[in-house]
Every structure is written in C-alpha cells, then in structure tokens.
Amino acid sequence: MAQMTMIQAITDAMRTELKNNENVVVFGEDVGQNGGVFRATEGLQSEFGEDRVFDTPLAESGIGGLAIGLGLTGFRPVMEIQFFGFVFEVMDSVVAQAARMRYRSGGVYNSPITIRSPFGGGVKTPELHADNLEGLMAQAPGIKVVIPSTPYDAKGLLISAIRDNDPVVYLEHMKLYRSFRGEVPEEEYTIEIGKADVKREGKDVSIITYGAMVHSSLKAAEELEKEGISAEVVDLRTVSPLDIDTIIASVEKTGRAIVVQEAQKQAGVGATVVAEINDRAILSLEAPVLRVAAPDTVFPFASAEDVWLPDYKDIVEKAKTVYNF
C-alpha cells in the first residue's frame, strides 16, 4: 500500500473516477490549473483536459446550478465549494433542488452530484472558512453527508460518493489534509456510505464522534487507559444517514457514552445521536449520555480558536464523568 496524506487520497479518488467514467467532471473556483486552494485537484486538468476539470466563476449559486443541469443530462458532477462557509450562496441548488430531484420526478431523474468542500477549525482561517455546518446538511432529507477522518476512509468514501446516484456532501477537515499519512491502496476500492467504523475497541465507555474529533478522541482514549478506563471510539464517517446499528451495539456493550463534535453544541449532529441512543438503548445505560462540543457562539477569530475548540482534555473529563456516575 502507498502512504498518503488525506489530500493525496482525495486527489487519487478523483483521478480514479475520472479514469473510470468519462461522464465524471470536476469543477469549481480555481480547481483547474491552480489545483484548488489546497491543491486537491492538482494535475487533474493537465491529465484529463479542460473539458473535464475546469474553473468556474466566483459564484457558488452558478456552480450548483451547473451541477444540477449536468446531473440531469447523464454526467456525474464533482463540484467544489471553496470553503463550506460559502454554502449559503448555493443552498437553493443543494437543498431545494438536488435533494428533491428523485422525489419530485417520481424516480425519473436524480442528482448524482458530489459536493466537496473543506471546513473545520484549528488552522486559523479567516471568518466563514472553518464553520462546522454539517448539521444544516444533515437536516435536509435527500442528501447524504460524509466526513472522513483518515486517508483510507477519504479515498474509499469519495469514490462511493461519486458513484452514488443521489447528492452527497463530502466534507474535508482542513486540519487533517496534511497532518499525517496513512496506508491507502493504490487500486480502486469503496467504503459504504452510512457505515460507521470502530476505530478503537473498548468496554467501559463509548466515544461517538466524527471528523477531526476522531483523533482527539483516540488521544483521549489513550489517556483514559492510563487511569484504567477502557474507551471505545466510534467514527461515524457518515453523519447522514447515521449508522444506528453500530452506535447502539457499542453503547449496549459499554453501558456509557459521550458524543463528541467540533461544532457548537446546538449545531452538528450530536443531539440526534444522543436522541437515538435514548430511544433505542436507554435501558442499557448506566449514566446519562453527555456531549463534548464547542460553545454556542459564532466561530471565533483565529486568536480565540484554541480556547474555543474542544480538545482531548474535554473528552477525558466528560468520559470520566459518565464512568464515575
């Protein structure tokens, strides 16, 4: 296997599908010759041509409308929103049009669109660049929302997203782009959308999380192990639809759970996860399900980011609270 960063795995997934299917097209702001802000599409235009990897005007609404039209005419568009905080400019296309296409047309048409976008804190970006808006997308029926945490997952999930016949919002945490490498098969493979992954087995408390918080949770689990607490870390990978079976199986095993997200407590998908646990496994619980999340304020400027964002110490504290309940 090759050793890849997450950004390399994402590029490799797009290259794989551009090779496999001539109807796959990649477009967005500066994704062509420049290769995008983070170089996720670097080299793809020179390899596949300007008709299949191309720049668009700085207009997210136009990008979304183009993706819908292409999807209706047999293409598989991979559109990039340069930063996910700009999704408000294309909400009508994504939520009111693409998400409803299959239902509206009685199954005659669909929107096989992949909406790629970087997001996430910890890298000191300007305002509206880091916002965790996955909860908005997860509340829209008809949209799948994927958030990988490792290079292996990133490639397999992106290939699955591009092959999916419905719109998939594929969110890439900026802090994870080049922070580490992982083993990634050079050949094509897929990972099922809607399937969580147990990143660490444990018996005392379940830590259910996604995105960059997977790595904070794994670090917290190491710290908890030093105090004799065995933590299981469940990486949701897909936040809509949720893998309820894996969540409940973990909670029934450990009897205790915390849900961790980078988003504000009122945002993200943590509340939905807690509700599902209470609905389906409350008799298995030895303690209330607690949450680790950011404060319910606007995402702060860079100088306050480190204080505002949850970290592994917050996870350790909440896990010990439920363990000692």
Protein backbone atom coordinates (compact mmCIF):
# COMPACT_ATOMS: atom_id res chain seq x y z
CA MET A 1 0.00 0.00 0.00
CA ALA A 2 1.03 3.59 -0.53
CA GLN A 3 1.49 6.06 2.29
CA MET A 4 -0.75 9.05 1.58
CA THR A 5 -1.92 12.21 3.27
CA MET A 6 -5.65 12.83 3.22
CA ILE A 7 -5.34 15.39 0.43
CA GLN A 8 -3.39 12.89 -1.68
CA ALA A 9 -6.05 10.24 -1.07
CA ILE A 10 -8.78 12.67 -2.14
CA THR A 11 -6.91 13.54 -5.33
CA ASP A 12 -6.34 9.86 -6.03
CA ALA A 13 -10.06 9.14 -5.65
CA MET A 14 -10.98 11.82 -8.18
CA ARG A 15 -8.29 10.61 -10.57
CA THR A 16 -9.63 7.06 -10.26
CA GLU A 17 -13.17 8.07 -11.15
CA LEU A 18 -12.13 10.43 -13.93
CA LYS A 19 -10.34 7.44 -15.48
CA ASN A 20 -13.21 5.02 -14.85
CA ASN A 21 -16.09 7.12 -16.14
CA GLU A 22 -15.90 9.70 -18.92
CA ASN A 23 -19.05 11.34 -17.53
CA VAL A 24 -17.28 12.40 -14.31
CA VAL A 25 -16.45 16.12 -14.39
CA VAL A 26 -14.71 18.19 -11.72
CA PHE A 27 -15.23 21.93 -11.41
CA GLY A 28 -15.15 24.86 -9.01
CA GLU A 29 -13.25 28.02 -8.23
CA ASP A 30 -9.55 27.69 -9.17
CA VAL A 31 -9.64 23.88 -9.36
CA GLY A 32 -8.10 23.78 -12.85
CA GLN A 33 -4.55 24.88 -13.49
CA ASN A 34 -4.08 26.04 -9.88
CA GLY A 35 -5.34 22.75 -8.46
CA GLY A 36 -7.56 24.42 -5.88
CA VAL A 37 -6.70 26.30 -2.70
CA PHE A 38 -5.33 23.14 -1.07
CA ARG A 39 -4.15 21.52 -4.32
CA ALA A 40 -6.75 18.76 -4.07
CA THR A 41 -7.19 18.79 -7.86
CA GLU A 42 -3.53 19.41 -8.72
CA GLY A 43 -2.54 17.82 -12.01
CA LEU A 44 -6.04 16.64 -12.91
CA GLN A 45 -6.69 19.26 -15.58
CA SER A 46 -3.42 18.56 -17.37
CA GLU A 47 -4.20 14.82 -17.25
CA PHE A 48 -7.87 14.89 -18.26
CA GLY A 49 -8.27 18.17 -20.11
CA GLU A 50 -10.13 21.43 -19.63
CA ASP A 51 -13.47 19.93 -20.63
CA ARG A 52 -13.48 17.61 -17.63
CA VAL A 53 -11.61 19.60 -14.96
CA PHE A 54 -12.32 23.30 -15.19
CA ASP A 55 -12.63 26.59 -13.35
CA THR A 56 -15.91 28.36 -12.74
CA PRO A 57 -16.74 31.99 -11.94
CA LEU A 58 -16.67 33.00 -8.27
CA ALA A 59 -20.36 32.25 -7.89
CA GLU A 60 -21.42 29.27 -5.80
CA SER A 61 -25.01 29.55 -7.00
CA GLY A 62 -23.79 29.15 -10.56
CA ILE A 63 -21.68 26.14 -9.60
CA GLY A 64 -24.71 24.48 -8.03
CA GLY A 65 -26.98 25.19 -10.98
CA LEU A 66 -24.40 23.81 -13.39
CA ALA A 67 -24.09 20.63 -11.29
CA ILE A 68 -27.84 20.06 -11.35
CA GLY A 69 -28.04 20.51 -15.10
CA LEU A 70 -25.10 18.20 -15.73
CA GLY A 71 -26.54 15.58 -13.39
CA LEU A 72 -29.84 15.63 -15.26
CA THR A 73 -28.10 15.03 -18.58
CA GLY A 74 -26.05 11.98 -17.65
CA PHE A 75 -22.91 13.45 -16.11
CA ARG A 76 -21.52 12.82 -12.63
CA PRO A 77 -20.51 16.28 -11.41
CA VAL A 78 -17.95 16.72 -8.65
CA MET A 79 -18.39 20.35 -7.62
CA GLU A 80 -16.17 22.12 -5.12
CA ILE A 81 -17.34 24.80 -2.73
CA GLN A 82 -14.06 26.50 -1.95
CA PHE A 83 -14.86 26.68 1.80
CA PHE A 84 -18.02 25.26 3.30
CA GLY A 85 -18.93 28.54 4.98
CA PHE A 86 -19.87 29.70 1.47
CA VAL A 87 -22.59 27.04 1.19
CA PHE A 88 -25.26 29.62 1.97
CA GLU A 89 -24.76 31.00 -1.53
CA VAL A 90 -25.81 27.67 -3.04
CA MET A 91 -28.37 26.38 -0.53
CA ASP A 92 -31.25 26.57 -3.01
CA SER A 93 -29.46 24.37 -5.53
CA VAL A 94 -28.37 21.82 -2.93
CA VAL A 95 -31.34 21.62 -0.56
CA ALA A 96 -34.32 22.80 -2.61
CA GLN A 97 -33.35 21.30 -5.96
CA ALA A 98 -30.76 18.49 -5.94
CA ALA A 99 -32.01 16.89 -2.72
CA ARG A 100 -35.58 16.70 -4.04
CA MET A 101 -34.91 15.65 -7.62
CA ARG A 102 -35.61 11.94 -7.26
CA TYR A 103 -38.82 12.52 -5.27
CA ARG A 104 -40.03 15.42 -7.41
CA SER A 105 -39.66 13.44 -10.63
CA GLY A 106 -41.06 10.18 -9.28
CA GLY A 107 -37.72 8.49 -9.77
CA VAL A 108 -37.33 9.54 -13.41
CA TYR A 109 -34.42 11.89 -12.65
CA ASN A 110 -31.79 12.08 -9.96
CA SER A 111 -28.85 14.26 -8.95
CA PRO A 112 -25.64 12.21 -8.86
CA ILE A 113 -23.70 15.20 -7.54
CA THR A 114 -20.73 15.15 -5.18
CA ILE A 115 -20.29 18.42 -3.29
CA ARG A 116 -16.73 18.59 -1.99
CA SER A 117 -15.69 21.26 0.46
CA PRO A 118 -13.04 21.96 3.11
CA PHE A 119 -14.11 23.02 6.60
CA GLY A 120 -13.02 22.86 10.21
CA GLY A 121 -11.03 24.69 12.86
CA GLY A 122 -7.51 24.57 14.15
CA VAL A 123 -5.79 26.14 11.16
CA LYS A 124 -6.50 29.84 11.85
CA THR A 125 -8.54 30.63 8.74
CA PRO A 126 -10.48 33.86 8.17
CA GLU A 127 -14.15 34.22 9.02
CA LEU A 128 -16.63 31.87 7.26
CA HIS A 129 -13.88 29.44 6.21
CA ALA A 130 -13.88 27.00 9.13
CA ASP A 131 -17.56 26.86 10.15
CA ASN A 132 -18.97 23.43 11.03
CA LEU A 133 -22.21 23.43 9.06
CA GLU A 134 -22.71 19.69 8.63
CA GLY A 135 -25.80 19.84 10.84
CA LEU A 136 -27.58 22.05 8.31
CA MET A 137 -26.99 19.48 5.58
CA ALA A 138 -27.91 16.53 7.80
CA GLN A 139 -31.32 18.10 8.40
CA ALA A 140 -32.11 18.12 4.67
CA PRO A 141 -33.80 14.89 3.50
CA GLY A 142 -32.35 13.54 0.28
CA ILE A 143 -28.73 14.48 0.99
CA LYS A 144 -26.01 12.19 2.29
CA VAL A 145 -23.29 13.82 4.39
CA VAL A 146 -19.84 12.21 4.62
CA ILE A 147 -16.92 13.34 6.81
CA PRO A 148 -13.81 11.13 6.64
CA SER A 149 -11.11 11.18 9.31
CA THR A 150 -8.32 9.14 7.67
CA PRO A 151 -6.71 8.92 4.22
CA TYR A 152 -8.01 5.36 3.78
CA ASP A 153 -11.57 6.40 4.52
CA ALA A 154 -11.21 9.55 2.43
CA LYS A 155 -10.44 7.69 -0.80
CA GLY A 156 -12.97 4.91 -0.39
CA LEU A 157 -15.79 7.22 0.65
CA LEU A 158 -15.13 9.74 -2.12
CA ILE A 159 -15.24 7.03 -4.79
CA SER A 160 -18.53 5.83 -3.30
CA ALA A 161 -19.85 9.39 -3.26
CA ILE A 162 -19.03 9.97 -6.93
CA ARG A 163 -20.75 6.70 -7.87
CA ASP A 164 -23.85 7.45 -5.79
CA ASN A 165 -27.00 8.41 -7.69
CA ASP A 166 -28.04 10.97 -5.07
CA PRO A 167 -26.31 14.15 -3.87
CA VAL A 168 -23.50 13.61 -1.38
CA VAL A 169 -21.98 16.42 0.64
CA TYR A 170 -18.37 15.35 1.20
CA LEU A 171 -16.65 17.45 3.84
CA GLU A 172 -12.87 17.56 4.25
CA HIS A 173 -11.45 18.81 7.54
CA MET A 174 -8.63 21.21 6.72
CA LYS A 175 -6.57 20.28 9.77
CA LEU A 176 -6.39 16.68 8.56
CA TYR A 177 -5.29 17.42 4.99
CA ARG A 178 -1.56 17.06 5.61
CA SER A 179 -1.23 16.38 9.33
CA PHE A 180 -0.40 12.68 8.97
CA ARG A 181 -0.10 9.82 6.47
CA GLY A 182 -1.86 6.50 6.36
CA GLU A 183 -1.90 3.33 4.29
CA VAL A 184 -4.10 3.66 1.20
CA PRO A 185 -4.46 1.02 -1.53
CA GLU A 186 -3.33 2.29 -4.89
CA GLU A 187 -6.09 0.37 -6.63
CA GLU A 188 -9.74 1.44 -6.51
CA TYR A 189 -11.97 0.45 -3.59
CA THR A 190 -15.15 1.73 -1.98
CA ILE A 191 -16.41 2.22 1.56
CA GLU A 192 -20.12 2.01 2.15
CA ILE A 193 -21.77 5.36 2.80
CA GLY A 194 -23.79 5.21 6.00
CA LYS A 195 -21.45 2.76 7.73
CA ALA A 196 -19.54 3.79 10.87
CA ASP A 197 -16.19 2.34 11.92
CA VAL A 198 -14.98 1.36 15.38
CA LYS A 199 -11.52 2.94 15.43
CA ARG A 200 -10.68 1.58 18.89
CA GLU A 201 -12.31 -1.23 20.86
CA GLY A 202 -13.22 -0.64 24.50
CA LYS A 203 -15.52 -1.89 27.24
CA ASP A 204 -16.20 0.96 29.70
CA VAL A 205 -17.41 3.95 27.70
CA SER A 206 -18.29 4.68 24.06
CA ILE A 207 -16.92 7.86 22.48
CA ILE A 208 -19.00 8.55 19.37
CA THR A 209 -17.54 11.17 17.08
CA TYR A 210 -16.53 12.21 13.55
CA GLY A 211 -14.03 14.31 11.58
CA ALA A 212 -11.00 15.75 13.33
CA MET A 213 -12.51 14.90 16.71
CA VAL A 214 -11.82 11.22 15.95
CA HIS A 215 -8.13 11.90 16.51
CA SER A 216 -8.78 13.94 19.67
CA SER A 217 -10.96 11.08 20.90
CA LEU A 218 -8.26 8.48 20.22
CA LYS A 219 -5.78 10.59 22.18
CA ALA A 220 -8.31 10.89 25.00
CA ALA A 221 -8.79 7.11 24.96
CA GLU A 222 -5.04 6.66 25.43
CA GLU A 223 -5.12 9.00 28.44
CA LEU A 224 -8.15 7.22 29.90
CA GLU A 225 -6.40 3.86 29.53
CA LYS A 226 -3.70 5.12 31.90
CA GLU A 227 -6.41 5.53 34.53
CA GLY A 228 -7.89 2.09 33.94
CA ILE A 229 -10.82 3.25 31.78
CA SER A 230 -11.27 1.39 28.51
CA ALA A 231 -12.82 3.70 25.90
CA GLU A 232 -14.29 2.60 22.58
CA VAL A 233 -14.04 5.17 19.77
CA VAL A 234 -16.73 5.03 17.08
CA ASP A 235 -16.07 7.10 13.96
CA LEU A 236 -19.43 7.87 12.34
CA ARG A 237 -17.79 8.65 8.95
CA THR A 238 -21.27 9.40 7.60
CA VAL A 239 -23.40 11.81 9.65
CA SER A 240 -26.44 11.41 7.41
CA PRO A 241 -27.66 8.72 7.31
CA LEU A 242 -26.34 7.61 10.70
CA ASP A 243 -25.24 4.03 11.29
CA ILE A 244 -27.63 3.44 14.17
CA ASP A 245 -26.79 -0.27 14.46
CA THR A 246 -23.07 0.35 15.14
CA ILE A 247 -23.83 3.14 17.61
CA ILE A 248 -26.31 1.07 19.59
CA ALA A 249 -24.12 -2.05 19.57
CA SER A 250 -21.28 -0.03 21.10
CA VAL A 251 -23.49 1.57 23.75
CA GLU A 252 -25.05 -1.75 24.70
CA LYS A 253 -21.55 -3.16 25.17
CA THR A 254 -20.15 -0.34 27.32
CA GLY A 255 -23.27 0.99 29.06
CA ARG A 256 -21.93 4.56 28.89
CA ALA A 257 -21.49 7.06 26.09
CA ILE A 258 -20.35 10.54 25.23
CA VAL A 259 -20.84 12.20 21.85
CA VAL A 260 -18.06 14.47 20.60
CA GLN A 261 -18.26 17.08 17.85
CA GLU A 262 -16.27 20.15 16.88
CA ALA A 263 -19.42 22.07 16.01
CA GLN A 264 -21.30 24.22 18.50
CA LYS A 265 -23.47 22.24 20.92
CA GLN A 266 -26.63 23.47 19.20
CA ALA A 267 -25.20 22.51 15.79
CA GLY A 268 -23.57 19.37 14.38
CA VAL A 269 -25.33 16.03 14.74
CA GLY A 270 -24.54 15.22 18.38
CA ALA A 271 -28.06 15.88 19.65
CA THR A 272 -29.50 13.47 17.09
CA VAL A 273 -27.06 10.76 18.14
CA VAL A 274 -27.99 11.25 21.80
CA ALA A 275 -31.69 11.08 20.95
CA GLU A 276 -31.24 7.84 19.01
CA ILE A 277 -29.35 6.27 21.92
CA ASN A 278 -32.07 7.30 24.36
CA ASP A 279 -34.78 6.00 22.04
CA ARG A 280 -33.18 2.63 21.43
CA ALA A 281 -30.81 1.77 24.27
CA ILE A 282 -31.84 3.70 27.37
CA LEU A 283 -32.20 0.50 29.41
CA SER A 284 -28.58 -0.36 28.63
CA LEU A 285 -27.26 2.94 30.01
CA GLU A 286 -25.52 3.22 33.37
CA ALA A 287 -25.26 7.02 33.09
CA PRO A 288 -26.70 9.90 31.06
CA VAL A 289 -25.23 10.43 27.60
CA LEU A 290 -23.09 13.58 27.68
CA ARG A 291 -21.75 15.78 24.89
CA VAL A 292 -18.46 17.50 24.13
CA ALA A 293 -18.91 20.42 21.74
CA ALA A 294 -17.89 23.99 21.06
CA PRO A 295 -19.73 26.87 22.76
CA ASP A 296 -22.93 28.17 21.20
CA THR A 297 -21.35 31.26 19.70
CA VAL A 298 -20.24 32.32 16.23
CA PHE A 299 -16.99 30.60 15.24
CA PRO A 300 -14.32 32.92 16.69
CA PHE A 301 -11.48 34.76 15.01
CA ALA A 302 -8.13 32.99 14.86
CA SER A 303 -6.78 34.44 18.11
CA ALA A 304 -9.53 32.72 20.14
CA GLU A 305 -9.74 29.47 18.19
CA ASP A 306 -7.58 27.35 20.51
CA VAL A 307 -9.67 28.28 23.53
CA TRP A 308 -12.99 27.81 21.74
CA LEU A 309 -12.41 24.43 20.10
CA PRO A 310 -12.94 21.21 22.09
CA ASP A 311 -9.81 19.16 22.73
CA TYR A 312 -8.85 15.78 24.13
CA LYS A 313 -8.83 17.09 27.71
CA ASP A 314 -12.50 17.99 27.42
CA ILE A 315 -13.21 14.48 26.16
CA VAL A 316 -11.30 12.88 29.03
CA GLU A 317 -13.24 14.96 31.55
CA LYS A 318 -16.66 14.02 30.14
CA ALA A 319 -15.73 10.35 29.80
CA LYS A 320 -14.64 10.23 33.45
CA THR A 321 -17.90 11.91 34.45
CA VAL A 322 -20.05 9.19 32.86
CA TYR A 323 -17.70 6.44 34.05
CA ASN A 324 -17.93 7.62 37.67
CA PHE A 325 -21.66 8.45 37.58
